[in-house]
Amino acid sequence: MKHLHPPGWVPAKGYANGVAARGTQIFVGGQIGWNAQQQFESDDFIAQTAQTLRNVLAVLAEGGAGPEHMVRMTWYILDRSEYNARLKELGQVYREVIGRHFPAMSCVQVAALMEARAKVEIEVTAVLPD
């Protein structure tokens, strides 16, 4: 896996501008902040994000992958203001669950998610090297 960072660009913080990888692709469908029994344990954005990231890791593990194999993440959030106001907490929980692996990322505010209590949904693409 190779991070793609054009010369002269300011370094990306908490994500990669691009990633090149070769191998078996794993596509993780949108995960939300409920547990394995599809029950929410919290309505807090950070707690739901932590659970969402743990859910992503569980699906990756089922495919023989870990966070180091993630090449792309797409975040769908309900509240851009809360996301930005809680970046420090968000960064902390991300590092606790995922570590210091930062794939190419996008984050989009949406009007609603399919589950009414969900505050975040995350999709991931991972690549297991050949």
C-alpha atoms as a PDB file:
ATOM      1  CA  MET A   1       0.000   0.000   0.000  1.00  0.00           C
ATOM      2  CA  LYS A   2       1.278   3.447  -0.884  1.00  0.00           C
ATOM      3  CA  HIS A   3      -0.076   6.794   0.291  1.00  0.00           C
ATOM      4  CA  LEU A   4      -0.408   9.323  -2.516  1.00  0.00           C
ATOM      5  CA  HIS A   5       0.613  12.847  -1.544  1.00  0.00           C
ATOM      6  CA  PRO A   6       1.327  15.315  -4.351  1.00  0.00           C
ATOM      7  CA  PRO A   7       4.531  17.362  -3.905  1.00  0.00           C
ATOM      8  CA  GLY A   8       4.019  20.781  -2.371  1.00  0.00           C
ATOM      9  CA  TRP A   9       0.649  19.911  -0.799  1.00  0.00           C
ATOM     10  CA  VAL A  10       0.104  20.683   2.880  1.00  0.00           C
ATOM     11  CA  PRO A  11       0.126  17.361   4.782  1.00  0.00           C
ATOM     12  CA  ALA A  12      -3.284  15.772   5.310  1.00  0.00           C
ATOM     13  CA  LYS A  13      -4.246  15.489   8.976  1.00  0.00           C
ATOM     14  CA  GLY A  14      -6.138  12.359  10.011  1.00  0.00           C
ATOM     15  CA  TYR A  15      -6.580  11.010   6.487  1.00  0.00           C
ATOM     16  CA  ALA A  16      -4.700  10.318   3.247  1.00  0.00           C
ATOM     17  CA  ASN A  17      -5.326  12.194   0.006  1.00  0.00           C
ATOM     18  CA  GLY A  18      -5.061   8.926  -1.875  1.00  0.00           C
ATOM     19  CA  VAL A  19      -3.962   5.312  -1.502  1.00  0.00           C
ATOM     20  CA  ALA A  20      -2.648   2.848  -4.090  1.00  0.00           C
ATOM     21  CA  ALA A  21      -2.976  -0.860  -3.265  1.00  0.00           C
ATOM     22  CA  ARG A  22      -3.021  -4.234  -4.972  1.00  0.00           C
ATOM     23  CA  GLY A  23      -4.716  -7.413  -3.696  1.00  0.00           C
ATOM     24  CA  THR A  24      -8.048  -8.839  -2.582  1.00  0.00           C
ATOM     25  CA  GLN A  25     -10.617  -6.092  -2.089  1.00  0.00           C
ATOM     26  CA  ILE A  26     -12.985  -6.114   0.874  1.00  0.00           C
ATOM     27  CA  PHE A  27     -16.010  -3.829   0.816  1.00  0.00           C
ATOM     28  CA  VAL A  28     -17.610  -3.091   4.178  1.00  0.00           C
ATOM     29  CA  GLY A  29     -21.191  -1.881   3.867  1.00  0.00           C
ATOM     30  CA  GLY A  30     -22.337   1.070   5.929  1.00  0.00           C
ATOM     31  CA  GLN A  31     -21.923   0.310   9.629  1.00  0.00           C
ATOM     32  CA  ILE A  32     -23.696   2.249  12.362  1.00  0.00           C
ATOM     33  CA  GLY A  33     -23.341   2.576  16.131  1.00  0.00           C
ATOM     34  CA  TRP A  34     -25.407  -0.370  17.288  1.00  0.00           C
ATOM     35  CA  ASN A  35     -24.149  -3.620  18.778  1.00  0.00           C
ATOM     36  CA  ALA A  36     -24.182  -7.132  17.283  1.00  0.00           C
ATOM     37  CA  GLN A  37     -27.838  -7.517  18.318  1.00  0.00           C
ATOM     38  CA  GLN A  38     -28.712  -4.322  16.416  1.00  0.00           C
ATOM     39  CA  GLN A  39     -29.399  -2.411  19.623  1.00  0.00           C
ATOM     40  CA  PHE A  40     -28.132   1.082  20.382  1.00  0.00           C
ATOM     41  CA  GLU A  41     -26.389   1.400  23.735  1.00  0.00           C
ATOM     42  CA  SER A  42     -25.971   5.189  23.466  1.00  0.00           C
ATOM     43  CA  ASP A  43     -27.310   8.211  21.623  1.00  0.00           C
ATOM     44  CA  ASP A  44     -23.999  10.059  22.041  1.00  0.00           C
ATOM     45  CA  PHE A  45     -22.171  10.803  18.773  1.00  0.00           C
ATOM     46  CA  ILE A  46     -18.722   9.772  20.066  1.00  0.00           C
ATOM     47  CA  ALA A  47     -19.989   6.550  21.673  1.00  0.00           C
ATOM     48  CA  GLN A  48     -21.823   5.647  18.465  1.00  0.00           C
ATOM     49  CA  THR A  49     -18.705   6.404  16.418  1.00  0.00           C
ATOM     50  CA  ALA A  50     -16.623   4.091  18.633  1.00  0.00           C
ATOM     51  CA  GLN A  51     -19.162   1.287  18.198  1.00  0.00           C
ATOM     52  CA  THR A  52     -19.362   1.946  14.458  1.00  0.00           C
ATOM     53  CA  LEU A  53     -15.581   1.641  14.153  1.00  0.00           C
ATOM     54  CA  ARG A  54     -15.615  -1.576  16.193  1.00  0.00           C
ATOM     55  CA  ASN A  55     -18.293  -2.912  13.840  1.00  0.00           C
ATOM     56  CA  VAL A  56     -16.108  -2.047  10.843  1.00  0.00           C
ATOM     57  CA  LEU A  57     -13.195  -3.932  12.417  1.00  0.00           C
ATOM     58  CA  ALA A  58     -15.405  -6.981  13.069  1.00  0.00           C
ATOM     59  CA  VAL A  59     -16.415  -7.155   9.402  1.00  0.00           C
ATOM     60  CA  LEU A  60     -12.806  -6.656   8.277  1.00  0.00           C
ATOM     61  CA  ALA A  61     -11.645  -9.435  10.613  1.00  0.00           C
ATOM     62  CA  GLU A  62     -14.224 -11.771   9.073  1.00  0.00           C
ATOM     63  CA  GLY A  63     -12.419 -11.203   5.770  1.00  0.00           C
ATOM     64  CA  GLY A  64      -8.967 -11.704   7.296  1.00  0.00           C
ATOM     65  CA  ALA A  65      -8.172  -7.977   7.320  1.00  0.00           C
ATOM     66  CA  GLY A  66      -7.385  -5.364   9.937  1.00  0.00           C
ATOM     67  CA  PRO A  67      -7.386  -1.582  10.078  1.00  0.00           C
ATOM     68  CA  GLU A  68      -3.983  -1.483   8.363  1.00  0.00           C
ATOM     69  CA  HIS A  69      -5.671  -2.824   5.215  1.00  0.00           C
ATOM     70  CA  MET A  70      -8.218   0.013   4.957  1.00  0.00           C
ATOM     71  CA  VAL A  71      -7.689   2.162   1.882  1.00  0.00           C
ATOM     72  CA  ARG A  72     -10.914   4.208   1.898  1.00  0.00           C
ATOM     73  CA  MET A  73     -13.514   5.366   4.422  1.00  0.00           C
ATOM     74  CA  THR A  74     -16.690   7.305   3.799  1.00  0.00           C
ATOM     75  CA  TRP A  75     -18.411   8.839   6.812  1.00  0.00           C
ATOM     76  CA  TYR A  76     -22.038   9.944   6.751  1.00  0.00           C
ATOM     77  CA  ILE A  77     -22.905  12.178   9.702  1.00  0.00           C
ATOM     78  CA  LEU A  78     -26.054  14.004  10.767  1.00  0.00           C
ATOM     79  CA  ASP A  79     -24.471  17.080  12.319  1.00  0.00           C
ATOM     80  CA  ARG A  80     -21.406  18.761  10.832  1.00  0.00           C
ATOM     81  CA  SER A  81     -21.270  21.245  13.716  1.00  0.00           C
ATOM     82  CA  GLU A  82     -21.103  18.487  16.326  1.00  0.00           C
ATOM     83  CA  TYR A  83     -18.489  16.635  14.262  1.00  0.00           C
ATOM     84  CA  ASN A  84     -16.256  19.722  14.112  1.00  0.00           C
ATOM     85  CA  ALA A  85     -16.866  20.697  17.747  1.00  0.00           C
ATOM     86  CA  ARG A  86     -15.851  17.224  18.932  1.00  0.00           C
ATOM     87  CA  LEU A  87     -12.853  16.585  16.661  1.00  0.00           C
ATOM     88  CA  LYS A  88     -10.468  16.086  19.585  1.00  0.00           C
ATOM     89  CA  GLU A  89     -12.712  13.388  21.126  1.00  0.00           C
ATOM     90  CA  LEU A  90     -13.297  11.901  17.689  1.00  0.00           C
ATOM     91  CA  GLY A  91      -9.563  11.680  17.013  1.00  0.00           C
ATOM     92  CA  GLN A  92      -9.013  10.035  20.383  1.00  0.00           C
ATOM     93  CA  VAL A  93     -11.669   7.351  19.865  1.00  0.00           C
ATOM     94  CA  TYR A  94     -10.471   6.757  16.297  1.00  0.00           C
ATOM     95  CA  ARG A  95      -6.905   6.125  17.491  1.00  0.00           C
ATOM     96  CA  GLU A  96      -8.152   3.908  20.352  1.00  0.00           C
ATOM     97  CA  VAL A  97     -10.138   1.675  17.978  1.00  0.00           C
ATOM     98  CA  ILE A  98      -8.318   1.937  14.635  1.00  0.00           C
ATOM     99  CA  GLY A  99      -4.841   3.045  15.686  1.00  0.00           C
ATOM    100  CA  ARG A 100      -2.712   5.386  13.600  1.00  0.00           C
ATOM    101  CA  HIS A 101      -3.803   4.154  10.182  1.00  0.00           C
ATOM    102  CA  PHE A 102      -5.373   6.896   8.095  1.00  0.00           C
ATOM    103  CA  PRO A 103      -6.860   5.833   4.732  1.00  0.00           C
ATOM    104  CA  ALA A 104      -8.330   8.128   2.107  1.00  0.00           C
ATOM    105  CA  MET A 105     -11.475   9.569   3.696  1.00  0.00           C
ATOM    106  CA  SER A 106     -14.573  11.532   2.873  1.00  0.00           C
ATOM    107  CA  CYS A 107     -17.108  12.890   5.340  1.00  0.00           C
ATOM    108  CA  VAL A 108     -20.570  14.034   4.288  1.00  0.00           C
ATOM    109  CA  GLN A 109     -23.401  15.568   6.291  1.00  0.00           C
ATOM    110  CA  VAL A 110     -26.716  13.932   5.429  1.00  0.00           C
ATOM    111  CA  ALA A 111     -30.317  14.790   6.317  1.00  0.00           C
ATOM    112  CA  ALA A 112     -31.035  11.373   7.821  1.00  0.00           C
ATOM    113  CA  LEU A 113     -29.797   7.792   8.079  1.00  0.00           C
ATOM    114  CA  MET A 114     -32.006   4.731   7.673  1.00  0.00           C
ATOM    115  CA  GLU A 115     -31.964   3.924  11.402  1.00  0.00           C
ATOM    116  CA  ALA A 116     -33.576   6.825  13.256  1.00  0.00           C
ATOM    117  CA  ARG A 117     -31.209   6.682  16.268  1.00  0.00           C
ATOM    118  CA  ALA A 118     -28.028   6.446  14.168  1.00  0.00           C
ATOM    119  CA  LYS A 119     -25.802   9.534  14.229  1.00  0.00           C
ATOM    120  CA  VAL A 120     -23.003   8.188  11.995  1.00  0.00           C
ATOM    121  CA  GLU A 121     -22.592   5.575   9.281  1.00  0.00           C
ATOM    122  CA  ILE A 122     -19.211   4.480   7.904  1.00  0.00           C
ATOM    123  CA  GLU A 123     -18.334   2.517   4.755  1.00  0.00           C
ATOM    124  CA  VAL A 124     -14.853   1.066   4.234  1.00  0.00           C
ATOM    125  CA  THR A 125     -12.857  -0.445   1.411  1.00  0.00           C
ATOM    126  CA  ALA A 126      -9.842  -2.540   2.384  1.00  0.00           C
ATOM    127  CA  VAL A 127      -7.219  -4.365   0.311  1.00  0.00           C
ATOM    128  CA  LEU A 128      -5.381  -7.493   1.446  1.00  0.00           C
ATOM    129  CA  PRO A 129      -2.000  -7.516  -0.343  1.00  0.00           C
ATOM    130  CA  ASP A 130      -1.256 -10.292  -2.830  1.00  0.00           C
END
